[in-house]
């Protein structure tokens, strides 16, 4: 080596726009406060139409009970005068805001708003406080049961080493050592589960011990430990309880109309008074009830819909009950549409943004604990390229390090050598012309597209080859190939020609999904309540790690072409006004439903009052 070469300094890596992990943590904590404030505001905004729909039902139920009591034991006239006074005040407040008629002094306005909004708000807050108190008793045990998690095998040296890594990271963070649980599943993922650092559990897929090196495992554990130390378990518990409260509200309204809601309420009551049960049994019951409440937010299948829209021939009693409870259907519809709209478009995305900042914060905390941003970046990239679905964990997709449904932001990255070889081997087994183990990925894609087009065109041999390839790739990624329902591509060709039988078969096949596919869909748990993913895009996480010193693959920095950027910008210019228009239309629908709800409840009460007046006068 020449003297000149020796004099030249070695090339050093300089991050783009460098940032210390302390500064990154501070920035993400500030972002958390901003997003949390936005979430509280979103909950308040959602609460206004919700209480406008709920409060009239509360007053209606109270007045019906008062009419019944008054029949057997007459109530004082002062009670009925107060009812009429509050009724007139409520009507004046509604006329003032809706029709812009009349005048109200500040005191009357404050009292009127309390009359209209306060009962619904008190009920919603009481339900939320009850859910928080009730499910705090369950801890993390139920989640571990659903995930089929186990303790480390004492005879497995690798599992014991991982337990030591968890202990080291917890000591470095100054936290109680969380219990390590392993899941024997084909999915590669990890999560921190619990309600506080005292009952926290680290859940890791067993295959990660073999897939990641020690530094990457340590960085992954550091992310989970940092998440626990930052208070993410408490935040996750609070966010989950908000959506469970919405589910409980729908369950209460539907309970008079169907057995499913009544069974859910009975399980809640049984769980609340299960003082003699073991902690494991309580946790499992809490987890089951939470799943039922989340499922009750599904608008596609509710007890009240089945009660009013059943195709079976209704008897005289059922027809009479449908007529009597017809006004409550509008209350139910107004509440369900309000919850769906505001959860999906406002509250859910706000909560998703809060949780994204917590993932960024946990990444920075992992860098602080390990001083190795490269290891965490490598672990995230490795997890994103693999099957990350966790059977039994679909209720808590937001708790996992990587989105169980996969990360769309890395779909454009070049495949690794192992992935190309794996695809070539699967294609060769399916009868493709590419040699097994080939790295000519461009030729492989070209041949697959040619065969796929032939299959769609009706070539039965090409369709069989594509189906064999899909099943082989599923087996390679640890999924149950036998449970994967692949539509017959010859049916696709027939459907394009208008074959009704083929269309029906394709529709039936689309409704059949394996458990792994359900878990990977991401539309379960909290993710079903928001169009925005609770997991930040991997590219953004990697670029933030690069600012803290991580060395990334060159293709991570691949930018969208100018043409694609122009198309994306034009699409946004079209879509944003359409979304705003759709939101305004939905708000109009909500307000119309609330107005119809008030109208039908008023008619309902007037009829009930007339019946009791007639009855008392006999």
Foldseek 3Di string as FASTA:
>chain_A
DDPVVVPDDDDDDDFDQFDALVVLLVVLVVLLVVLVVLLVVLVVVLLPLLLLLVLLVVVLVVVLVQLVVCLVPNDDPVVVVVVVVLVVLLVVLCCCPPVVDDDDDPVSNVVNCCSNRVVSVVVLVVLLVVLLVLLLLLWFLQLCVLLVWAADDPVDPLSVVLLVLQVLLCVLLVADRAGETEGAALAFWWFWGTQASVHIYTYGYPCCSVVADPLLSSLQSLLRSLLRSVRVSNLVSSLLSSQLSLLLVLLVLQVVQDDLSVVLVVLSVCLRPPPPDDSSVSNSSSVVSSQSSNVSLDPPDTRVCCLQPPPDDDDPVSVVVCVLCVLSVLSSVLSSLSQQLSLAPRNLVSSLSSLQSSLLSSSSSSCVSSVCLQSNLVSVVSSLVAQNFRRSCLQCQLRINARNLHFPLCPPPDDDLVVQLQLQQLLVVLVDPRDRSDNPNVVVVVRLVVLLVVLLLQDQSSQSSVLSSVLSVCVVRRHDSVQQQDQRSNLNNVVVVPDPVSVVSVVVSVVRDDSSNVRNVSCHHSSVRYPDHSHDHSLVSSSNSSSNPHDDDPRSPDDDDPVVVVVVVVVCVVVVVVVVVVSVVSVVVSVVSSVSSSVVSVVSSVVSVVVSVVVSVD
